[in-house]
Amino acid sequence: MKYNPHVTSSRRKNRKAHFTVPSFIRRVLMSELLSSELRSKYNVDKDRKLLLERKKNGRAVADKKGIKFTTEDVMQNID
């Protein structure tokens, strides 16, 4: 017995739901975590590390420019 009324066991309807879904959702549905051996073999973590490095560097540049607010700045604006 199915508890969720939005889930069907029909192959035809499942295929239609899969192929008509937007690609950004399909990518999440089709993704699967890899084992540590496969991650190291295909160097998957390299991409994630690069994204984190870029994010860190962008925040460092923003801090140097003085864009970020300090707690003192916020407290002065409140008074």
Protein backbone atom coordinates (compact mmCIF):
# COMPACT_ATOMS: atom_id res chain seq x y z
CA MET A 1 0.00 0.00 0.00
CA LYS A 2 1.27 3.42 -0.93
CA TYR A 3 1.07 6.11 1.71
CA ASN A 4 1.90 9.03 -0.56
CA PRO A 5 -0.88 9.69 -3.10
CA HIS A 6 1.55 11.56 -5.40
CA VAL A 7 3.69 8.45 -5.98
CA THR A 8 2.66 6.07 -8.73
CA SER A 9 3.87 2.59 -9.56
CA SER A 10 3.05 2.97 -13.24
CA ARG A 11 6.19 2.73 -15.40
CA ARG A 12 4.70 5.06 -18.00
CA LYS A 13 3.91 7.78 -15.48
CA ASN A 14 7.29 7.43 -13.76
CA ARG A 15 9.12 7.86 -17.06
CA LYS A 16 7.03 10.90 -17.93
CA ALA A 17 7.68 12.43 -14.52
CA HIS A 18 11.41 11.78 -14.83
CA PHE A 19 11.87 13.18 -18.34
CA THR A 20 9.60 16.20 -18.00
CA VAL A 21 11.20 17.44 -14.80
CA PRO A 22 13.55 20.45 -15.18
CA SER A 23 17.20 19.52 -15.57
CA PHE A 24 18.30 21.13 -12.29
CA ILE A 25 15.94 18.84 -10.37
CA ARG A 26 16.79 15.80 -12.50
CA ARG A 27 20.48 16.31 -11.75
CA VAL A 28 19.75 16.09 -8.02
CA LEU A 29 17.53 13.05 -8.44
CA MET A 30 20.11 11.21 -10.55
CA SER A 31 23.12 12.04 -8.39
CA GLU A 32 24.58 9.48 -6.06
CA LEU A 33 27.39 9.66 -3.54
CA LEU A 34 30.57 7.90 -4.62
CA SER A 35 32.70 5.66 -2.49
CA SER A 36 35.99 7.08 -1.24
CA GLU A 37 37.95 4.93 -3.72
CA LEU A 38 36.00 6.25 -6.69
CA ARG A 39 36.20 9.82 -5.39
CA SER A 40 39.97 9.59 -5.23
CA LYS A 41 40.17 7.79 -8.59
CA TYR A 42 38.10 10.36 -10.48
CA ASN A 43 39.31 13.33 -8.40
CA VAL A 44 35.78 14.50 -7.57
CA ASP A 45 36.76 16.45 -4.47
CA LYS A 46 39.03 18.67 -6.54
CA ASP A 47 36.04 20.60 -7.93
CA ARG A 48 34.52 21.08 -4.51
CA LYS A 49 37.84 22.27 -3.10
CA LEU A 50 38.21 24.77 -5.94
CA LEU A 51 34.75 26.19 -5.27
CA LEU A 52 35.51 26.57 -1.58
CA GLU A 53 38.83 28.26 -2.38
CA ARG A 54 37.10 30.76 -4.68
CA LYS A 55 34.50 31.50 -2.03
CA LYS A 56 37.19 32.02 0.59
CA ASN A 57 39.21 34.29 -1.71
CA GLY A 58 36.14 36.36 -2.57
CA ARG A 59 35.39 36.91 1.09
CA ALA A 60 39.02 37.85 1.76
CA VAL A 61 38.87 40.49 -0.99
CA ALA A 62 35.62 41.86 0.45
CA ASP A 63 37.25 42.11 3.88
CA LYS A 64 40.22 43.99 2.44
CA LYS A 65 37.93 46.46 0.70
CA GLY A 66 36.10 47.09 3.94
CA ILE A 67 32.72 46.05 2.60
CA LYS A 68 31.91 43.91 5.59
CA PHE A 69 30.40 45.64 8.58
CA THR A 70 31.87 45.28 12.02
CA THR A 71 29.83 45.11 15.20
CA GLU A 72 30.94 48.64 16.08
CA ASP A 73 29.57 49.99 12.79
CA VAL A 74 26.22 48.36 13.39
CA MET A 75 26.01 49.61 16.97
CA GLN A 76 26.82 53.19 15.85
CA ASN A 77 24.02 53.09 13.31
CA ILE A 78 21.55 51.93 15.95
CA ASP A 79 22.35 54.84 18.28
